[in-house]
Protein backbone atom coordinates (compact mmCIF):
# COMPACT_ATOMS: atom_id res chain seq x y z
CA UNK A 1 13.72 1.77 -34.70
CA UNK A 2 10.45 2.14 -36.56
CA UNK A 3 8.68 5.44 -37.12
CA UNK A 4 6.95 7.25 -34.29
CA UNK A 5 3.31 6.63 -33.53
CA UNK A 6 0.82 8.52 -31.40
CA UNK A 7 0.99 5.99 -28.56
CA UNK A 8 0.82 8.26 -25.51
CA UNK A 9 -1.08 11.52 -25.50
CA UNK A 10 -0.47 12.76 -21.96
CA UNK A 11 2.36 15.19 -21.24
CA UNK A 12 4.15 15.85 -17.93
CA UNK A 13 2.76 19.03 -16.39
CA UNK A 14 3.93 21.61 -13.92
CA UNK A 15 0.97 23.70 -12.80
CA UNK A 16 1.73 25.90 -9.81
CA UNK A 17 2.37 23.67 -6.81
CA UNK A 18 1.31 20.54 -8.71
CA UNK A 19 3.71 18.49 -10.80
CA UNK A 20 3.62 15.05 -12.32
CA UNK A 21 5.15 12.35 -10.14
CA UNK A 22 5.75 8.67 -10.79
CA UNK A 23 5.15 5.97 -8.18
CA UNK A 24 7.07 2.70 -8.50
CA UNK A 25 4.93 -0.24 -7.33
CA UNK A 26 6.05 -3.53 -5.85
CA UNK A 27 5.74 -6.38 -8.32
CA UNK A 28 4.97 -9.17 -5.84
CA UNK A 29 1.44 -7.83 -5.30
CA UNK A 30 1.01 -5.14 -7.90
CA UNK A 31 -2.78 -4.98 -7.65
CA UNK A 32 -2.62 -4.36 -3.90
CA UNK A 33 0.06 -1.73 -4.45
CA UNK A 34 -2.17 0.07 -6.96
CA UNK A 35 -5.10 -0.06 -4.52
CA UNK A 36 -2.92 1.34 -1.75
CA UNK A 37 -1.81 4.21 -3.99
CA UNK A 38 -5.39 5.10 -4.92
CA UNK A 39 -6.49 4.92 -1.26
CA UNK A 40 -3.68 7.21 -0.10
CA UNK A 41 -4.37 9.78 -2.81
CA UNK A 42 -8.02 9.72 -1.78
CA UNK A 43 -7.01 10.21 1.87
CA UNK A 44 -5.11 13.35 0.86
CA UNK A 45 -8.01 14.54 -1.32
CA UNK A 46 -5.97 14.20 -4.47
CA UNK A 47 -8.19 13.23 -7.38
CA UNK A 48 -5.86 14.08 -10.26
CA UNK A 49 -5.82 11.97 -13.39
CA UNK A 50 -3.67 8.86 -13.02
CA UNK A 51 -1.88 6.97 -15.79
CA UNK A 52 -0.82 3.44 -14.87
CA UNK A 53 1.51 1.00 -16.56
CA UNK A 54 3.00 -2.28 -15.36
CA UNK A 55 4.49 -1.58 -11.89
CA UNK A 56 4.38 2.20 -12.33
CA UNK A 57 1.82 5.02 -12.17
CA UNK A 58 2.09 8.74 -12.88
CA UNK A 59 -0.05 11.26 -10.99
CA UNK A 60 -0.36 15.03 -10.93
CA UNK A 61 -0.04 16.04 -7.30
CA UNK A 62 1.95 18.12 -4.83
CA UNK A 63 5.44 17.12 -3.72
CA UNK A 64 4.45 16.95 -0.06
CA UNK A 65 1.67 14.50 -0.95
CA UNK A 66 4.02 12.35 -3.04
CA UNK A 67 6.45 12.24 -0.11
CA UNK A 68 3.75 11.32 2.41
CA UNK A 69 2.35 8.61 0.15
CA UNK A 70 5.65 6.80 -0.36
CA UNK A 71 6.65 7.15 3.31
CA UNK A 72 3.34 5.67 4.49
CA UNK A 73 3.05 2.90 1.94
CA UNK A 74 3.80 -0.77 2.34
CA UNK A 75 3.74 -1.66 -1.37
CA UNK A 76 5.03 1.51 -3.08
CA UNK A 77 8.80 1.63 -3.41
CA UNK A 78 9.72 5.06 -4.74
CA UNK A 79 8.47 8.38 -6.08
CA UNK A 80 9.95 11.13 -8.19
CA UNK A 81 9.29 13.85 -10.75
CA UNK A 82 8.38 12.79 -14.30
CA UNK A 83 10.41 14.45 -17.06
CA UNK A 84 8.84 12.61 -19.96
CA UNK A 85 7.07 9.48 -21.15
CA UNK A 86 8.55 8.28 -24.43
CA UNK A 87 7.70 5.72 -27.09
CA UNK A 88 10.37 3.02 -26.83
CA UNK A 89 10.14 2.37 -30.57
CA UNK A 90 10.47 6.01 -31.65
CA UNK A 91 14.00 7.26 -32.41
CA UNK A 92 12.91 10.88 -32.13
CA UNK A 93 11.57 10.23 -28.62
CA UNK A 94 14.84 8.56 -27.67
CA UNK A 95 16.82 11.59 -28.85
CA UNK A 96 14.53 13.91 -26.86
CA UNK A 97 15.03 11.82 -23.72
CA UNK A 98 18.79 12.09 -24.17
CA UNK A 99 18.54 15.89 -24.36
CA UNK A 100 16.77 16.02 -20.99
CA UNK A 101 19.57 14.28 -19.08
CA UNK A 102 22.37 16.11 -20.93
CA UNK A 103 24.95 13.36 -20.63
CA UNK A 104 24.33 12.56 -16.97
CA UNK A 105 24.21 8.87 -15.98
CA UNK A 106 20.77 7.31 -15.63
CA UNK A 107 19.71 4.22 -13.70
CA UNK A 108 17.46 2.20 -16.01
CA UNK A 109 15.57 -1.06 -15.68
CA UNK A 110 12.85 -3.06 -17.40
CA UNK A 111 9.74 -3.61 -15.30
CA UNK A 112 8.51 -7.22 -15.51
CA UNK A 113 9.83 -7.82 -19.03
CA UNK A 114 7.22 -5.52 -20.57
CA UNK A 115 9.90 -4.30 -22.98
CA UNK A 116 12.53 -6.61 -24.49
CA UNK A 117 16.21 -6.22 -23.62
CA UNK A 118 16.96 -5.50 -27.28
CA UNK A 119 14.38 -2.72 -27.50
CA UNK A 120 15.63 -1.09 -24.29
CA UNK A 121 19.26 -1.23 -25.44
CA UNK A 122 18.29 0.23 -28.82
CA UNK A 123 16.48 3.12 -27.09
CA UNK A 124 19.50 3.80 -24.85
CA UNK A 125 21.84 3.77 -27.82
CA UNK A 126 19.67 6.15 -29.86
CA UNK A 127 19.29 8.50 -26.89
CA UNK A 128 22.98 8.56 -26.04
CA UNK A 129 22.07 8.01 -22.39
CA UNK A 130 24.86 6.66 -20.19
CA UNK A 131 23.51 3.78 -18.17
CA UNK A 132 24.27 3.70 -14.45
CA UNK A 133 23.93 0.64 -12.21
CA UNK A 134 23.79 2.66 -8.97
CA UNK A 135 20.40 3.31 -7.40
CA UNK A 136 21.32 6.63 -5.81
CA UNK A 137 18.64 9.30 -5.94
CA UNK A 138 18.83 10.83 -9.38
CA UNK A 139 17.68 10.13 -12.92
CA UNK A 140 15.61 7.01 -13.55
CA UNK A 141 14.48 5.41 -16.80
CA UNK A 142 11.81 2.75 -16.38
CA UNK A 143 10.80 0.66 -19.40
CA UNK A 144 7.20 -0.52 -19.18
CA UNK A 145 4.42 -1.44 -21.63
CA UNK A 146 6.24 -0.02 -24.67
CA UNK A 147 7.19 3.24 -22.95
CA UNK A 148 10.27 4.69 -21.34
CA UNK A 149 9.34 6.79 -18.29
CA UNK A 150 12.11 9.26 -17.47
CA UNK A 151 12.14 10.85 -14.04
CA UNK A 152 14.22 12.02 -11.11
CA UNK A 153 13.88 9.95 -7.94
CA UNK A 154 13.14 12.10 -4.88
CA UNK A 155 11.96 9.80 -2.11
CA UNK A 156 12.41 6.12 -1.34
CA UNK A 157 9.93 4.49 1.03
CA UNK A 158 10.80 3.92 4.68
CA UNK A 159 9.56 0.32 4.73
CA UNK A 160 13.02 -1.26 4.96
CA UNK A 161 13.70 0.74 8.10
CA UNK A 162 10.38 -0.36 9.59
CA UNK A 163 11.09 -4.01 8.76
CA UNK A 164 14.53 -3.82 10.33
CA UNK A 165 13.15 -2.32 13.53
CA UNK A 166 10.33 -4.87 13.70
CA UNK A 167 12.91 -7.66 13.88
CA UNK A 168 14.02 -6.31 17.27
CA UNK A 169 10.57 -6.01 18.82
CA UNK A 170 10.29 -8.04 22.05
CA UNK A 171 7.08 -9.95 21.26
CA UNK A 172 6.82 -11.95 18.03
CA UNK A 173 4.44 -14.56 16.67
CA UNK A 174 4.82 -16.64 13.51
CA UNK A 175 1.33 -15.60 12.37
CA UNK A 176 1.85 -11.88 13.05
CA UNK A 177 1.43 -9.39 10.22
CA UNK A 178 4.57 -7.97 8.68
CA UNK A 179 4.94 -4.16 8.56
CA UNK A 180 4.17 -3.95 4.83
CA UNK A 181 0.77 -5.62 5.03
CA UNK A 182 -0.04 -3.88 8.34
CA UNK A 183 0.62 -0.54 6.64
CA UNK A 184 -1.46 -1.49 3.63
CA UNK A 185 -4.43 -2.41 5.84
CA UNK A 186 -4.28 1.00 7.51
CA UNK A 187 -3.85 2.86 4.22
CA UNK A 188 -6.74 1.04 2.54
CA UNK A 189 -9.05 2.55 5.21
CA UNK A 190 -8.15 6.04 3.88
CA UNK A 191 -7.09 6.98 7.45
CA UNK A 192 -5.98 10.57 7.98
CA UNK A 193 -3.85 12.11 10.69
CA UNK A 194 -5.87 12.40 13.88
CA UNK A 195 -8.32 9.63 12.98
CA UNK A 196 -9.11 6.91 15.50
CA UNK A 197 -8.52 3.37 14.23
CA UNK A 198 -9.52 0.19 16.07
CA UNK A 199 -7.95 -3.23 15.63
CA UNK A 200 -10.32 -5.67 17.42
CA UNK A 201 -7.90 -8.61 16.98
CA UNK A 202 -4.64 -6.76 17.52
CA UNK A 203 -2.25 -9.62 18.32
CA UNK A 204 1.31 -8.25 18.38
CA UNK A 205 -0.01 -4.73 17.71
CA UNK A 206 1.63 -4.19 14.33
CA UNK A 207 -1.46 -2.58 12.78
CA UNK A 208 -1.86 0.07 15.48
CA UNK A 209 1.91 0.63 15.66
CA UNK A 210 2.09 1.28 11.92
CA UNK A 211 -1.02 3.47 12.18
CA UNK A 212 0.71 5.51 14.89
CA UNK A 213 3.71 6.03 12.58
CA UNK A 214 1.27 7.79 10.21
CA UNK A 215 -0.27 10.02 12.87
CA UNK A 216 -3.35 7.82 13.33
CA UNK A 217 -4.44 6.99 16.90
CA UNK A 218 -4.72 3.23 17.28
CA UNK A 219 -6.69 1.22 19.80
CA UNK A 220 -5.76 -2.48 19.95
CA UNK A 221 -7.88 -5.20 21.55
CA UNK A 222 -7.02 -8.85 22.17
CA UNK A 223 -8.84 -11.45 24.21
CA UNK A 224 -5.71 -13.42 25.09
CA UNK A 225 -3.99 -12.09 28.22
CA UNK A 226 -0.53 -13.31 27.19
CA UNK A 227 -0.86 -11.81 23.71
CA UNK A 228 -2.17 -8.50 25.09
CA UNK A 229 0.83 -8.28 27.43
CA UNK A 230 3.12 -8.95 24.47
CA UNK A 231 1.36 -6.23 22.48
CA UNK A 232 1.98 -3.81 25.34
CA UNK A 233 5.68 -4.67 25.37
CA UNK A 234 5.87 -3.96 21.62
CA UNK A 235 4.09 -0.64 22.09
CA UNK A 236 6.59 0.30 24.80
CA UNK A 237 9.46 -0.76 22.53
CA UNK A 238 8.24 1.69 19.88
CA UNK A 239 7.53 4.34 22.55
CA UNK A 240 4.11 4.79 20.99
CA UNK A 241 1.26 6.50 22.91
CA UNK A 242 -1.20 3.72 22.10
CA UNK A 243 -3.90 1.95 24.06
CA UNK A 244 -3.76 -1.86 24.37
CA UNK A 245 -6.88 -3.50 25.79
CA UNK A 246 -7.47 -7.02 27.10
CA UNK A 247 -10.99 -8.12 26.34
CA UNK A 248 -13.51 -9.71 24.04
CA UNK A 249 -14.04 -7.29 21.16
CA UNK A 250 -17.52 -8.72 20.62
CA UNK A 251 -18.50 -7.44 24.08
CA UNK A 252 -16.74 -4.06 24.20
CA UNK A 253 -18.65 -0.89 23.32
CA UNK A 254 -17.14 1.66 20.95
CA UNK A 255 -18.66 4.90 19.68
CA UNK A 256 -18.10 6.55 16.30
CA UNK A 257 -14.82 4.89 15.35
CA UNK A 258 -13.29 6.47 12.22
CA UNK A 259 -11.53 3.40 10.81
CA UNK A 260 -11.14 -0.34 11.45
CA UNK A 261 -8.24 -2.50 10.29
CA UNK A 262 -7.62 -6.03 11.48
CA UNK A 263 -6.40 -9.54 10.75
CA UNK A 264 -9.09 -11.91 12.00
CA UNK A 265 -8.15 -15.29 13.54
CA UNK A 266 -7.85 -18.28 11.23
CA UNK A 267 -5.53 -21.22 10.78
CA UNK A 268 -3.81 -23.45 13.29
CA UNK A 269 -1.77 -20.73 14.98
CA UNK A 270 -4.78 -18.59 15.86
CA UNK A 271 -7.13 -19.05 18.80
CA UNK A 272 -10.83 -18.31 18.66
CA UNK A 273 -11.34 -19.23 22.34
CA UNK A 274 -13.93 -21.86 21.56
CA UNK A 275 -16.01 -19.71 19.22
CA UNK A 276 -16.87 -21.27 15.86
CA UNK A 277 -15.03 -19.39 13.11
CA UNK A 278 -18.14 -18.32 11.17
CA UNK A 279 -19.79 -17.12 14.35
CA UNK A 280 -16.68 -15.08 15.14
CA UNK A 281 -16.71 -13.40 11.73
CA UNK A 282 -20.40 -12.62 11.93
CA UNK A 283 -20.01 -11.13 15.40
CA UNK A 284 -17.14 -8.94 14.18
CA UNK A 285 -18.99 -7.55 11.15
CA UNK A 286 -22.25 -7.09 13.05
CA UNK A 287 -20.56 -5.18 15.88
CA UNK A 288 -18.55 -3.12 13.43
CA UNK A 289 -21.79 -2.00 11.79
CA UNK A 290 -22.75 -0.51 15.18
CA UNK A 291 -19.57 1.42 16.01
CA UNK A 292 -17.99 2.38 12.68
CA UNK A 293 -18.90 5.95 11.79
CA UNK A 294 -21.10 6.62 8.77
CA UNK A 295 -19.11 6.45 5.52
CA UNK A 296 -16.18 5.08 7.52
CA UNK A 297 -13.86 2.51 5.95
CA UNK A 298 -12.69 -0.84 7.27
CA UNK A 299 -10.16 -3.32 5.89
CA UNK A 300 -9.69 -6.85 7.13
CA UNK A 301 -8.09 -10.16 6.25
CA UNK A 302 -9.84 -13.51 5.95
CA UNK A 303 -8.90 -16.86 4.39
CA UNK A 304 -10.12 -17.36 0.84
CA UNK A 305 -12.36 -20.30 1.80
CA UNK A 306 -14.51 -17.83 3.78
CA UNK A 307 -14.79 -15.32 0.92
CA UNK A 308 -18.40 -16.10 -0.06
CA UNK A 309 -19.54 -16.12 3.56
CA UNK A 310 -17.83 -12.79 4.22
CA UNK A 311 -19.60 -11.32 1.16
CA UNK A 312 -22.91 -12.44 2.59
CA UNK A 313 -22.15 -10.82 5.95
CA UNK A 314 -21.02 -7.57 4.33
CA UNK A 315 -24.35 -7.25 2.54
CA UNK A 316 -26.42 -8.40 5.52
CA UNK A 317 -25.03 -5.75 7.86
CA UNK A 318 -25.22 -2.74 5.59
CA UNK A 319 -21.70 -2.42 4.23
CA UNK A 320 -20.60 -1.90 0.66
CA UNK A 321 -17.62 -3.82 -0.68
CA UNK A 322 -15.31 -1.15 -2.08
CA UNK A 323 -12.46 -3.33 -3.29
CA UNK A 324 -10.84 -6.68 -2.74
CA UNK A 325 -7.26 -7.98 -3.00
CA UNK A 326 -5.59 -11.36 -2.62
CA UNK A 327 -2.45 -12.16 -0.68
CA UNK A 328 -0.77 -15.45 -1.54
CA UNK A 329 1.03 -16.78 1.56
CA UNK A 330 1.79 -20.37 0.51
CA UNK A 331 0.11 -23.29 -1.25
CA UNK A 332 -2.27 -23.89 1.63
CA UNK A 333 -3.20 -20.29 2.41
CA UNK A 334 -4.45 -17.39 0.31
CA UNK A 335 -5.75 -14.42 2.28
CA UNK A 336 -8.43 -12.04 1.06
CA UNK A 337 -8.18 -8.33 1.88
CA UNK A 338 -11.69 -6.86 1.92
CA UNK A 339 -12.19 -3.11 2.04
CA UNK A 340 -15.73 -2.07 3.01
CA UNK A 341 -17.54 1.18 3.68
CA UNK A 342 -20.47 1.84 5.94
CA UNK A 343 -23.48 3.59 4.40
C-alpha cells in the first residue's frame, strides 16, 4: 500500500438524535435511485449534507428517517450506520478499520468495479478483517471510488416482499408498472403521509396501492371499464381503503390535489380511446395545471420520442421541470420520468 493521502475530509458524526447513515443504491438505474433518495429526504425535511459515491450515499439523519426511506423506496436496497470511510490505498486506514470491527466477520463487496479486486484484498489483509459471505444484518464493508465504507446494516428494503405479493394480485397486464417503479413515481413527488395523490391513468392501480403502503391517500382513474374493474379487484386484494374511478380524467374535476403520479398511455398495449397521443398528453398537463396545488409535485412517464413535446407542454402550462430520469425497457422503448412542480 502507498502512503496515506488526504482523500476524504468528512468524518462520521453522532450529534444527538442524528447519526451518519449509508444508503445502498440499486445499480441498474443508479441515477433514479439517487433522485429517489434526495426526494425522500426532502419529504422528511432532512437537508443534511450528503456524500455520494458509486452506488452508495452517506447522509446525516435520524434513524427513524433512514428506516422510513429504505422501506418506502423502490431503488434503495439497504441502510445502516456508518462507522468510517477509509482510503483503500492507506495502510493506516486499513488498520483503523480493523480495530472498529474487533475481529468480527464483515460482509464486503466491490460496487461496480470501482476498486480492483487486488486493492480490496490488500485492504482486507492489512486490516485483519475476516471476510464473511453471509448477508445477515451486521458489519458491511463497501468498496467504492477508492474508499472503503464501513458500516452496520440496520434495515433492508421491503421491495422484495412487495414484488412477491404483486405476483398474486388478481388483475395483471403486461404493460403494468412494477412495484419498484410505481414506488419511485410516488416518492419523486415528495408525498408525505396524509397527502392526496391522483393517478389519472391508473390501470392496474399499482401507483395508488404503493402510495397507500406509505400512508398516502390515492385516487385512481381509468377510462376503460374492464381495466377499472380489474383495478378495484387489486385494491380489494390488498385490502386498501382506496378510491377507483371509471371515467375520462380529462373531464373530471379535482380541487387542490397534493401530488400526481402516473404512467401515461403509449405503445401497442395501451389504449387512448381514439384520442391522438399528443392531444392526450396536452390535455393531461393542461388539466393538471388546474387541479394540482401550488408548489405541488407531479411525476409521470412518457416515451422518449415525446420528450421534446413534453418539455414544450411543461413550459406552456406553467410548470417547472425539477428533474428527469430515463428508464431503459428494451431496444425499442426508453421511458422518460419527468418530475415537475407547479409555481
